[in-house]
Amino acid sequence: MTANANVRPGSDEPSADAAGPVDPSRAVAVVGTGTMGQGIAQVALLAGHPVRLYDSAPGRAAEAVDAVAGRLDRLVEKGRLDAAERDAALARLHAADALAELADAALVVEAIVERLPVKQQLFADLEDVVGADTVLATNTSSLSVTAIAGGLRLPGRFVGLHFFNPAPLLPLVEVVSGFATDPATATRAYETARRWGKTPVRCTDTPGFIVNRIARPFYAEALRVYEEGVADPATIDAALRESGGFRMGPFELTDLIGQDVNEAVTRSVWDSFHQDPKFTPSLAQRRLVESGRLGRKSGQGWFSYAEGAGRPEPHTAAPAKAPERITVRGDLGPAEQLVGLFEEAGIGVAREEGETGGIELPGGALLRLADGRTSFERPAEKIVHFDLALDYAAAGRIVVSAREGIPDEALAEAVGLFQALGKQVSVIGDVPGMIVARTVAMLVDLAADAVERGVATAEDVDTAMRLGVNYPAGPLEWGEKAGFRRLCSLLLQMHKRYPTGRYAPSVALARRGYAEPAEETR
């Protein structure tokens, strides 16, 4: 008879709660007592479970119990937990000296070193200890869930439960189904995470899962713009914060994460996708890691964190006079919101039909939303590009770019126009896709591709990116707003200028784009 991953010991019948959450009366074990292991233990503990903490290093589990107790004490001090609840929780928390003490656990979550052979051996040992109905879960962020479970007798009861650090605070949990994961196991893990107060999302076992797969362009495109020498890190960060609406810029964020950690994840995803050019790591970041400039933890990354060190300011244009009147030709697409803002600022706006969306300035320059092309390709025209914004009304900064040699008065009119809206303006070099537009286009492309390949649903992708990395909008939500066809066109234009395959839009993005009315892209 074939073994079933959802049966009680000594029984061939599925347990009644096989697809429901783990009952709080049953024990949860956490193997690995670092920051993540302690955080997961705290979450399970406050959800009412007896919790066993185990570490292969002698004494570490007891130290972790003390550390969790200290965390709970601080919650009591802050008024977030009653003293009685703390005492009851601590009575359920125990350090285990051997794996055999985890035998009664209904769920075991592993949070040890990211080395495949070590994890495989751990779960092989656990199979000899726990019951057949125990769910085995890995918190891996970079290894294959399928590979970790490859040698198990009952791989159907194995699942990925990827928490985000710090686990007690961040709501997202990626529930990852390996190739052999039983659907009931994934559902039980999902429902357990939800009962613990988390927001779980489902995904298949793909490199990087949802968040670490789709987030790569947020870092990669900023690094690419920097490598092209058209903008400095402080200005790129400011553009993505103040125009894109992201909470942190990619340079300050990778300094916080650790350049070595961020680069290792990027390289892992790249290698796992057989060095797909869409995930190519940055040489500039590699050099930073090689030099030991790892960010905050080393005191120097893209920015200095030495005592008294000031943060470089983004490039901000000097005040310029705004034009009194402008002519809006055609449809500005996702920048159409600007028309009302110009009128509110007292600037006269004339409208004219046209296939090419843009803003004509009195001096003859044409302001165009970033579309993947450069202005140097049309030297006879005075083209100034401006970048995409999540919300032009709320944006504190607008980025513009133009080719070298464009008349100073043309650029000054563009700068003055946006300054009249109360915005700071950054002028960068003439680069395809600028900063926010190319970043968003790539995020949307990878998100659409992941959904079409069955990695996760569109709703789960957007939820994961909002909660896992604090994006101001889910990528598919932003794609709807900016226009899938427009973003696909931008990537096609960039692909012409960088014919490596990195910017070739996915079939999934093209499919969504062609489903939109053509007039939305004028």
Protein backbone atom coordinates (compact mmCIF):
# COMPACT_ATOMS: atom_id res chain seq x y z
CA MET A 1 0.00 0.00 0.00
CA THR A 2 1.32 3.45 -0.90
CA ALA A 3 2.23 5.63 2.06
CA ASN A 4 0.00 8.65 2.61
CA ALA A 5 1.47 11.84 3.99
CA ASN A 6 -1.74 12.74 5.81
CA VAL A 7 -2.36 9.72 8.03
CA ARG A 8 -2.00 9.32 11.77
CA PRO A 9 0.71 6.92 12.99
CA GLY A 10 -0.52 3.35 12.76
CA SER A 11 -3.43 4.24 10.48
CA ASP A 12 -4.01 4.21 6.74
CA GLU A 13 -6.91 6.67 6.99
CA PRO A 14 -6.35 10.40 6.38
CA SER A 15 -6.65 12.50 9.53
CA ALA A 16 -9.85 14.52 9.77
CA ASP A 17 -7.94 17.80 9.87
CA ALA A 18 -5.45 16.89 7.11
CA ALA A 19 -6.20 20.07 5.15
CA GLY A 20 -7.12 22.28 8.11
CA PRO A 21 -4.74 24.28 10.30
CA VAL A 22 -2.60 22.51 12.86
CA ASP A 23 -4.59 22.42 16.09
CA PRO A 24 -3.12 24.76 18.72
CA SER A 25 -3.05 21.93 21.22
CA ARG A 26 -0.43 20.15 19.11
CA ALA A 27 3.27 20.96 19.30
CA VAL A 28 5.24 22.91 16.74
CA ALA A 29 8.99 22.34 16.54
CA VAL A 30 11.53 24.79 15.14
CA VAL A 31 14.96 23.54 14.14
CA GLY A 32 17.56 26.29 14.02
CA THR A 33 17.71 29.00 16.64
CA GLY A 34 19.01 32.05 14.83
CA THR A 35 16.99 35.23 14.41
CA MET A 36 14.56 33.63 11.99
CA GLY A 37 14.11 30.45 14.04
CA GLN A 38 13.43 32.46 17.19
CA GLY A 39 10.94 34.64 15.30
CA ILE A 40 9.01 31.66 13.93
CA ALA A 41 8.97 30.08 17.38
CA GLN A 42 7.54 33.30 18.84
CA VAL A 43 4.78 33.39 16.22
CA ALA A 44 3.77 29.77 16.89
CA LEU A 45 4.00 30.28 20.63
CA LEU A 46 1.69 33.30 20.68
CA ALA A 47 -0.74 31.35 18.50
CA GLY A 48 -1.16 28.95 21.42
CA HIS A 49 1.05 26.01 20.48
CA PRO A 50 3.49 24.12 22.67
CA VAL A 51 6.83 24.90 20.98
CA ARG A 52 10.05 22.88 20.94
CA LEU A 53 13.28 24.65 19.94
CA TYR A 54 16.18 22.51 18.74
CA ASP A 55 19.69 23.34 17.56
CA SER A 56 22.54 20.96 16.79
CA ALA A 57 24.97 23.22 18.63
CA PRO A 58 24.90 22.36 22.38
CA GLY A 59 23.34 25.06 24.52
CA ARG A 60 21.96 27.10 21.60
CA ALA A 61 18.36 25.98 22.10
CA ALA A 62 18.40 27.04 25.76
CA GLU A 63 19.89 30.40 24.78
CA ALA A 64 17.14 30.82 22.18
CA VAL A 65 14.47 30.10 24.81
CA ASP A 66 15.92 32.87 26.93
CA ALA A 67 16.01 35.20 23.91
CA VAL A 68 12.35 34.51 23.09
CA ALA A 69 11.46 35.12 26.73
CA GLY A 70 13.22 38.48 26.49
CA ARG A 71 11.20 39.36 23.39
CA LEU A 72 7.97 38.56 25.20
CA ASP A 73 9.08 40.65 28.20
CA ARG A 74 9.56 43.63 25.88
CA LEU A 75 6.08 43.11 24.43
CA VAL A 76 4.68 43.22 27.97
CA GLU A 77 6.64 46.41 28.70
CA LYS A 78 5.18 48.01 25.57
CA GLY A 79 1.66 46.97 26.51
CA ARG A 80 1.29 44.63 23.53
CA LEU A 81 1.02 41.46 25.62
CA ASP A 82 -0.49 40.71 29.02
CA ALA A 83 1.86 39.38 31.67
CA ALA A 84 -0.44 36.37 32.15
CA GLU A 85 -0.29 35.60 28.42
CA ARG A 86 3.49 35.82 28.53
CA ASP A 87 3.69 33.45 31.47
CA ALA A 88 1.36 30.96 29.79
CA ALA A 89 3.37 31.14 26.57
CA LEU A 90 6.69 30.60 28.33
CA ALA A 91 5.24 27.55 30.08
CA ARG A 92 4.68 26.04 26.60
CA LEU A 93 8.22 26.81 25.33
CA HIS A 94 10.93 24.18 25.76
CA ALA A 95 14.48 23.63 24.57
CA ALA A 96 15.07 20.20 23.05
CA ASP A 97 18.43 18.49 23.49
CA ALA A 98 17.83 15.86 20.81
CA LEU A 99 15.70 15.43 17.69
CA ALA A 100 13.87 12.58 19.43
CA GLU A 101 12.20 15.18 21.66
CA LEU A 102 10.35 16.49 18.58
CA ALA A 103 8.49 13.20 18.05
CA ASP A 104 5.07 14.59 19.05
CA ALA A 105 5.26 17.68 16.81
CA ALA A 106 2.47 18.15 14.26
CA LEU A 107 4.64 20.64 12.35
CA VAL A 108 8.42 20.99 12.17
CA VAL A 109 9.84 24.15 10.61
CA GLU A 110 13.52 24.19 9.67
CA ALA A 111 15.50 27.45 9.71
CA ILE A 112 19.12 26.34 9.48
CA VAL A 113 22.05 27.16 7.20
CA GLU A 114 21.25 27.48 3.45
CA ARG A 115 23.16 24.37 2.39
CA LEU A 116 21.26 21.67 0.53
CA PRO A 117 23.08 18.56 1.88
CA VAL A 118 22.70 19.78 5.48
CA LYS A 119 18.97 20.35 5.08
CA GLN A 120 18.47 17.01 3.31
CA GLN A 121 20.23 15.15 6.12
CA LEU A 122 18.19 16.95 8.77
CA PHE A 123 14.87 15.96 7.22
CA ALA A 124 16.02 12.39 6.64
CA ASP A 125 16.79 12.23 10.36
CA LEU A 126 13.45 13.82 11.25
CA GLU A 127 11.55 11.21 9.22
CA ASP A 128 12.90 8.56 11.59
CA VAL A 129 11.52 10.51 14.57
CA VAL A 130 8.17 12.12 13.79
CA GLY A 131 4.79 10.59 12.98
CA ALA A 132 3.54 10.06 9.44
CA ASP A 133 1.05 12.91 9.77
CA THR A 134 3.70 15.48 10.76
CA VAL A 135 4.11 18.32 8.27
CA LEU A 136 7.76 18.99 7.51
CA ALA A 137 8.53 22.53 6.36
CA THR A 138 11.59 24.46 5.27
CA ASN A 139 12.03 28.21 5.62
CA THR A 140 14.57 28.28 2.78
CA SER A 141 14.68 31.44 0.70
CA SER A 142 17.02 30.25 -2.05
CA LEU A 143 17.06 26.46 -2.31
CA SER A 144 14.67 24.17 -4.15
CA VAL A 145 11.91 22.77 -1.95
CA THR A 146 11.71 19.82 -4.32
CA ALA A 147 15.42 19.08 -3.97
CA ILE A 148 15.35 19.27 -0.17
CA ALA A 149 12.50 16.72 -0.11
CA GLY A 150 14.03 14.55 -2.83
CA GLY A 151 15.29 11.77 -0.56
CA LEU A 152 12.30 11.55 1.79
CA ARG A 153 10.12 8.46 2.04
CA LEU A 154 7.03 10.68 2.30
CA PRO A 155 7.81 13.78 0.21
CA GLY A 156 4.10 14.60 0.00
CA ARG A 157 4.12 15.94 3.55
CA PHE A 158 6.96 18.38 2.79
CA VAL A 159 6.35 22.06 2.02
CA GLY A 160 8.10 25.42 2.00
CA LEU A 161 7.05 27.96 4.63
CA HIS A 162 9.07 31.06 3.78
CA PHE A 163 8.71 33.72 6.48
CA PHE A 164 10.16 37.20 6.10
CA ASN A 165 12.47 38.75 8.68
CA PRO A 166 11.51 39.74 11.34
CA ALA A 167 8.94 36.95 11.37
CA PRO A 168 6.84 38.29 14.28
CA LEU A 169 6.33 41.63 12.48
CA LEU A 170 6.15 40.96 8.75
CA PRO A 171 2.83 39.46 7.67
CA LEU A 172 3.81 37.61 4.49
CA VAL A 173 4.46 33.87 4.33
CA GLU A 174 5.14 32.15 1.01
CA VAL A 175 3.69 28.63 1.05
CA VAL A 176 5.76 26.76 -1.53
CA SER A 177 4.65 23.48 -3.05
CA GLY A 178 7.46 21.26 -4.26
CA PHE A 179 7.00 18.88 -7.17
CA ALA A 180 5.84 16.09 -4.81
CA THR A 181 4.01 18.17 -2.19
CA ASP A 182 0.52 16.83 -1.49
CA PRO A 183 -2.12 19.55 -2.07
CA ALA A 184 -3.59 18.80 1.36
CA THR A 185 -0.20 19.48 2.95
CA ALA A 186 0.09 22.84 1.21
CA THR A 187 -3.44 23.71 2.28
CA ARG A 188 -2.72 22.72 5.88
CA ALA A 189 0.41 24.88 5.91
CA TYR A 190 -1.51 27.77 4.34
CA GLU A 191 -4.34 27.56 6.86
CA THR A 192 -1.90 27.25 9.75
CA ALA A 193 -0.05 30.40 8.68
CA ARG A 194 -3.36 32.21 8.34
CA ARG A 195 -4.47 31.06 11.80
CA TRP A 196 -1.20 32.46 13.13
CA GLY A 197 -2.26 35.89 11.90
CA LYS A 198 -0.09 35.86 8.79
CA THR A 199 -1.02 36.58 5.18
CA PRO A 200 -0.03 33.45 3.27
CA VAL A 201 0.33 33.23 -0.51
CA ARG A 202 0.69 30.05 -2.53
CA CYS A 203 3.40 29.45 -5.10
CA THR A 204 5.13 26.64 -6.91
CA ASP A 205 8.75 25.71 -6.38
CA THR A 206 10.46 28.23 -8.66
CA PRO A 207 13.82 29.97 -8.09
CA GLY A 208 13.24 32.88 -5.71
CA PHE A 209 9.59 31.85 -5.20
CA ILE A 210 7.46 35.00 -5.72
CA VAL A 211 9.21 37.90 -4.01
CA ASN A 212 12.86 37.15 -4.68
CA ARG A 213 12.09 36.24 -8.29
CA ILE A 214 10.01 39.27 -9.21
CA ALA A 215 11.96 41.84 -7.13
CA ARG A 216 15.23 41.44 -9.04
CA PRO A 217 14.64 44.38 -11.48
CA PHE A 218 14.15 46.83 -8.61
CA TYR A 219 17.84 46.42 -7.84
CA ALA A 220 19.13 45.44 -11.28
CA GLU A 221 17.75 48.36 -13.28
CA ALA A 222 19.03 50.91 -10.76
CA LEU A 223 22.46 49.34 -10.97
CA ARG A 224 22.28 49.33 -14.78
CA VAL A 225 21.41 53.05 -14.88
CA TYR A 226 24.31 53.74 -12.51
CA GLU A 227 26.70 51.67 -14.64
CA GLU A 228 25.73 53.70 -17.70
CA GLY A 229 26.91 56.81 -15.89
CA VAL A 230 23.73 58.85 -16.32
CA ALA A 231 22.77 59.22 -12.64
CA ASP A 232 24.33 58.75 -9.21
CA PRO A 233 22.99 56.41 -6.48
CA ALA A 234 21.43 59.21 -4.41
CA THR A 235 19.49 60.55 -7.40
CA ILE A 236 18.34 57.07 -8.49
CA ASP A 237 17.15 56.33 -4.96
CA ALA A 238 15.31 59.65 -4.79
CA ALA A 239 13.59 58.98 -8.12
CA LEU A 240 12.26 55.61 -7.02
CA ARG A 241 11.19 56.93 -3.60
CA GLU A 242 9.75 60.31 -4.49
CA SER A 243 8.38 59.55 -7.94
CA GLY A 244 7.94 55.78 -7.86
CA GLY A 245 6.51 55.72 -4.34
CA PHE A 246 8.84 52.97 -3.10
CA ARG A 247 9.63 53.15 0.60
CA MET A 248 13.40 52.94 0.08
CA GLY A 249 15.65 53.33 -2.92
CA PRO A 250 17.58 50.27 -4.15
CA PHE A 251 21.02 51.56 -3.14
CA GLU A 252 20.05 52.41 0.44
CA LEU A 253 18.04 49.18 0.66
CA THR A 254 20.89 46.93 -0.49
CA ASP A 255 23.16 48.72 1.99
CA LEU A 256 20.63 47.78 4.68
CA ILE A 257 20.24 44.16 3.49
CA GLY A 258 23.97 43.71 2.95
CA GLN A 259 25.55 43.90 -0.50
CA ASP A 260 26.89 40.37 -0.15
CA VAL A 261 23.47 38.99 0.78
CA ASN A 262 21.63 40.83 -1.99
CA GLU A 263 24.19 39.88 -4.62
CA ALA A 264 24.14 36.24 -3.51
CA VAL A 265 20.37 36.06 -3.95
CA THR A 266 20.63 37.68 -7.38
CA ARG A 267 23.35 35.26 -8.43
CA SER A 268 21.39 32.28 -7.07
CA VAL A 269 18.29 33.22 -9.07
CA TRP A 270 20.41 33.86 -12.18
CA ASP A 271 22.14 30.48 -11.91
CA SER A 272 18.86 28.70 -11.17
CA PHE A 273 17.37 30.15 -14.35
CA HIS A 274 20.39 28.91 -16.32
CA GLN A 275 21.86 32.43 -16.50
CA ASP A 276 18.83 34.00 -18.12
CA PRO A 277 19.88 37.57 -19.12
CA LYS A 278 16.82 39.01 -17.36
CA PHE A 279 18.52 38.14 -14.05
CA THR A 280 22.15 39.00 -14.88
CA PRO A 281 24.02 40.23 -11.78
CA SER A 282 25.74 43.62 -11.67
CA LEU A 283 29.49 43.96 -12.08
CA ALA A 284 29.39 47.19 -10.05
CA GLN A 285 27.79 45.36 -7.12
CA ARG A 286 30.30 42.52 -7.45
CA ARG A 287 33.16 45.00 -7.15
CA LEU A 288 31.52 46.53 -4.08
CA VAL A 289 31.34 43.11 -2.43
CA GLU A 290 34.91 42.26 -3.41
CA SER A 291 36.10 45.49 -1.80
CA GLY A 292 34.37 44.61 1.48
CA ARG A 293 31.94 47.52 1.23
CA LEU A 294 28.93 45.52 2.35
CA GLY A 295 26.72 48.36 3.55
CA ARG A 296 25.64 49.33 7.04
CA LYS A 297 27.22 46.30 8.70
CA SER A 298 30.68 47.21 7.38
CA GLY A 299 30.25 50.97 7.72
CA GLN A 300 30.50 51.57 3.97
CA GLY A 301 28.46 50.48 0.99
CA TRP A 302 27.09 52.75 -1.68
CA PHE A 303 26.97 55.30 1.11
CA SER A 304 29.14 55.87 4.18
CA TYR A 305 27.80 54.98 7.63
CA ALA A 306 30.76 56.30 9.57
CA GLU A 307 29.91 58.50 12.53
CA GLY A 308 29.12 62.00 11.32
CA ALA A 309 29.08 61.02 7.65
CA GLY A 310 26.51 62.91 5.64
CA ARG A 311 24.33 61.29 3.00
CA PRO A 312 24.91 62.54 -0.57
CA GLU A 313 22.03 64.67 -1.84
CA PRO A 314 20.24 63.80 -5.08
CA HIS A 315 20.80 66.03 -8.06
CA THR A 316 18.14 68.74 -7.98
CA ALA A 317 17.79 71.34 -10.72
CA ALA A 318 18.02 75.04 -9.93
CA PRO A 319 14.80 77.08 -10.08
CA ALA A 320 13.61 77.84 -13.61
CA LYS A 321 10.77 79.92 -15.03
CA ALA A 322 7.63 77.99 -15.93
CA PRO A 323 6.01 78.51 -19.35
CA GLU A 324 2.69 80.35 -19.31
CA ARG A 325 1.06 78.04 -21.84
CA ILE A 326 1.60 74.53 -23.15
CA THR A 327 -0.04 72.36 -25.80
CA VAL A 328 -0.90 68.76 -24.99
CA ARG A 329 -0.88 66.60 -28.12
CA GLY A 330 -2.67 63.27 -28.08
CA ASP A 331 -3.08 61.10 -25.01
CA LEU A 332 -0.48 61.19 -22.24
CA GLY A 333 -1.53 57.75 -21.01
CA PRO A 334 -0.56 57.21 -17.36
CA ALA A 335 0.66 60.85 -17.24
CA GLU A 336 -2.75 62.27 -18.21
CA GLN A 337 -3.18 63.29 -14.57
CA LEU A 338 -0.61 66.03 -15.20
CA VAL A 339 -3.02 68.03 -17.38
CA GLY A 340 -5.29 68.84 -14.45
CA LEU A 341 -2.29 69.64 -12.26
CA PHE A 342 -0.95 72.11 -14.83
CA GLU A 343 -4.34 73.83 -15.02
CA GLU A 344 -4.56 74.04 -11.22
CA ALA A 345 -1.12 75.68 -11.22
CA GLY A 346 -2.40 78.43 -13.53
CA ILE A 347 -0.68 77.22 -16.70
CA GLY A 348 -2.76 77.54 -19.85
CA VAL A 349 -3.36 74.18 -21.52
CA ALA A 350 -4.44 73.73 -25.14
CA ARG A 351 -5.40 70.28 -26.43
CA GLU A 352 -4.74 68.97 -29.92
CA GLU A 353 -5.39 65.59 -31.45
CA GLY A 354 -2.35 63.54 -32.37
CA GLU A 355 -0.98 60.06 -32.58
CA THR A 356 2.09 61.00 -30.57
CA GLY A 357 1.36 61.84 -26.96
CA GLY A 358 3.43 64.72 -25.65
CA ILE A 359 3.56 68.22 -24.22
CA GLU A 360 4.73 70.96 -26.58
CA LEU A 361 6.55 73.80 -24.83
CA PRO A 362 6.59 77.42 -26.13
CA GLY A 363 10.21 77.13 -27.24
CA GLY A 364 9.41 74.17 -29.48
CA ALA A 365 10.65 71.34 -27.24
CA LEU A 366 8.43 68.27 -26.89
CA LEU A 367 8.08 66.63 -23.49
CA ARG A 368 7.40 62.91 -23.79
CA LEU A 369 6.80 60.20 -21.22
CA ALA A 370 9.69 57.71 -21.14
CA ASP A 371 9.05 55.13 -23.84
CA GLY A 372 12.31 53.20 -24.09
CA ARG A 373 13.81 55.45 -26.75
CA THR A 374 16.47 58.13 -26.42
CA SER A 375 16.40 61.73 -27.58
CA PHE A 376 19.78 61.50 -29.34
CA GLU A 377 18.14 59.32 -32.01
CA ARG A 378 16.13 62.35 -33.17
CA PRO A 379 18.70 65.16 -33.24
CA ALA A 380 16.49 67.37 -35.38
CA GLU A 381 13.84 67.42 -32.65
CA LYS A 382 14.08 68.94 -29.20
CA ILE A 383 12.89 65.90 -27.24
CA VAL A 384 12.89 65.93 -23.43
CA HIS A 385 11.71 62.76 -21.70
CA PHE A 386 10.11 62.65 -18.27
CA ASP A 387 9.81 59.60 -16.06
CA LEU A 388 6.83 57.59 -14.92
CA ALA A 389 5.33 58.26 -11.49
CA LEU A 390 2.98 56.16 -9.41
CA ASP A 391 0.89 59.25 -8.67
CA TYR A 392 1.92 62.56 -10.24
CA ALA A 393 -0.09 64.54 -7.71
CA ALA A 394 1.64 62.91 -4.75
CA ALA A 395 5.10 62.69 -6.31
CA GLY A 396 7.66 65.00 -4.73
CA ARG A 397 10.15 64.69 -7.57
CA ILE A 398 10.02 64.40 -11.34
CA VAL A 399 12.97 63.13 -13.37
CA VAL A 400 13.71 64.48 -16.87
CA SER A 401 16.38 63.55 -19.41
CA ALA A 402 17.64 64.96 -22.67
CA ARG A 403 20.53 64.45 -25.07
CA GLU A 404 23.69 66.45 -24.81
CA GLY A 405 23.50 69.60 -26.88
CA ILE A 406 19.79 70.28 -26.46
CA PRO A 407 19.28 74.04 -26.04
CA ASP A 408 19.49 75.16 -22.41
CA GLU A 409 16.24 77.10 -22.76
CA ALA A 410 14.36 73.96 -23.86
CA LEU A 411 15.51 72.01 -20.81
CA ALA A 412 14.84 75.00 -18.54
CA GLU A 413 11.22 75.21 -19.75
CA ALA A 414 10.72 71.54 -18.95
CA VAL A 415 12.25 71.95 -15.50
CA GLY A 416 10.23 75.07 -14.77
CA LEU A 417 7.00 73.40 -15.86
CA PHE A 418 7.31 70.66 -13.24
CA GLN A 419 8.64 73.05 -10.61
CA ALA A 420 5.43 75.04 -11.07
CA LEU A 421 3.62 71.99 -9.65
CA GLY A 422 5.74 72.19 -6.50
CA LYS A 423 7.97 69.32 -7.56
CA GLN A 424 11.71 69.00 -7.26
CA VAL A 425 13.26 68.09 -10.59
CA SER A 426 16.27 65.88 -11.28
CA VAL A 427 17.96 65.97 -14.67
CA ILE A 428 19.72 62.76 -15.70
CA GLY A 429 21.52 61.61 -18.82
CA ASP A 430 19.81 60.36 -21.96
CA VAL A 431 19.11 56.72 -21.10
CA PRO A 432 16.44 54.39 -22.53
CA GLY A 433 13.51 53.90 -20.17
CA MET A 434 14.89 56.36 -17.62
CA ILE A 435 14.61 55.07 -14.02
CA VAL A 436 11.08 54.41 -12.75
CA ALA A 437 9.58 53.49 -16.13
CA ARG A 438 12.12 50.78 -16.98
CA THR A 439 12.03 49.40 -13.42
CA VAL A 440 8.24 49.16 -13.39
CA ALA A 441 8.14 47.66 -16.89
CA MET A 442 10.52 44.89 -15.86
CA LEU A 443 8.69 44.21 -12.60
CA VAL A 444 5.40 43.95 -14.47
CA ASP A 445 6.97 41.72 -17.12
CA LEU A 446 8.33 39.24 -14.57
CA ALA A 447 5.05 39.29 -12.64
CA ALA A 448 2.94 38.60 -15.74
CA ASP A 449 5.32 35.82 -16.77
CA ALA A 450 5.17 34.21 -13.32
CA VAL A 451 1.37 34.20 -13.36
CA GLU A 452 1.16 32.73 -16.87
CA ARG A 453 3.62 29.99 -15.90
CA GLY A 454 1.46 29.03 -12.93
CA VAL A 455 3.92 30.15 -10.25
CA ALA A 456 1.16 32.01 -8.39
CA THR A 457 -2.11 33.79 -9.01
CA ALA A 458 -2.15 37.46 -9.95
CA GLU A 459 -3.71 38.29 -6.59
CA ASP A 460 -1.02 36.40 -4.68
CA VAL A 461 1.76 38.01 -6.72
CA ASP A 462 0.50 41.52 -5.98
CA THR A 463 -0.09 40.66 -2.31
CA ALA A 464 3.40 39.19 -1.97
CA MET A 465 5.12 42.23 -3.47
CA ARG A 466 3.14 44.71 -1.38
CA LEU A 467 3.65 42.86 1.90
CA GLY A 468 6.99 41.15 1.34
CA VAL A 469 8.97 44.15 0.08
CA ASN A 470 6.59 47.03 0.81
CA TYR A 471 5.95 48.00 -2.82
CA PRO A 472 3.50 50.90 -3.17
CA ALA A 473 1.40 48.81 -5.56
CA GLY A 474 1.40 45.25 -6.80
CA PRO A 475 3.19 45.00 -10.16
CA LEU A 476 0.11 43.76 -11.98
CA GLU A 477 -1.98 46.49 -10.37
CA TRP A 478 0.58 49.02 -11.63
CA GLY A 479 0.55 47.34 -15.03
CA GLU A 480 -3.20 47.94 -15.26
CA LYS A 481 -2.68 51.59 -14.39
CA ALA A 482 0.28 52.26 -16.69
CA GLY A 483 -1.02 50.06 -19.51
CA PHE A 484 0.39 46.64 -20.34
CA ARG A 485 0.62 47.52 -24.04
CA ARG A 486 2.57 50.69 -23.27
CA LEU A 487 4.99 48.84 -20.99
CA CYS A 488 5.42 46.08 -23.55
CA SER A 489 6.23 48.71 -26.18
CA LEU A 490 8.78 50.33 -23.86
CA LEU A 491 10.55 47.01 -23.37
CA LEU A 492 10.53 46.32 -27.12
CA GLN A 493 12.20 49.69 -27.69
CA MET A 494 14.79 48.89 -25.01
CA HIS A 495 15.36 45.46 -26.55
CA LYS A 496 16.29 47.16 -29.83
CA ARG A 497 18.91 49.18 -28.00
CA TYR A 498 20.15 46.35 -25.76
CA PRO A 499 19.70 43.22 -27.93
CA THR A 500 20.76 40.71 -25.29
CA GLY A 501 17.31 39.34 -24.45
CA ARG A 502 17.22 41.11 -21.09
CA TYR A 503 14.47 43.48 -22.18
CA ALA A 504 12.61 41.24 -24.61
CA PRO A 505 9.05 41.30 -23.23
CA SER A 506 7.55 38.00 -22.21
CA VAL A 507 4.73 36.45 -24.17
CA ALA A 508 2.61 36.92 -21.06
CA LEU A 509 3.12 40.70 -21.06
CA ALA A 510 2.52 40.90 -24.80
CA ARG A 511 -0.69 38.89 -24.42
CA ARG A 512 -1.97 41.29 -21.77
CA GLY A 513 -0.92 44.26 -23.88
CA TYR A 514 -2.70 43.11 -27.02
CA ALA A 515 -5.86 42.57 -24.98
CA GLU A 516 -6.00 46.32 -24.27
CA PRO A 517 -7.63 48.82 -26.65
CA ALA A 518 -4.98 50.23 -28.98
CA GLU A 519 -6.02 53.84 -28.43
CA GLU A 520 -4.78 53.67 -24.84
CA THR A 521 -1.17 53.71 -26.06
CA ARG A 522 -1.16 56.84 -28.21
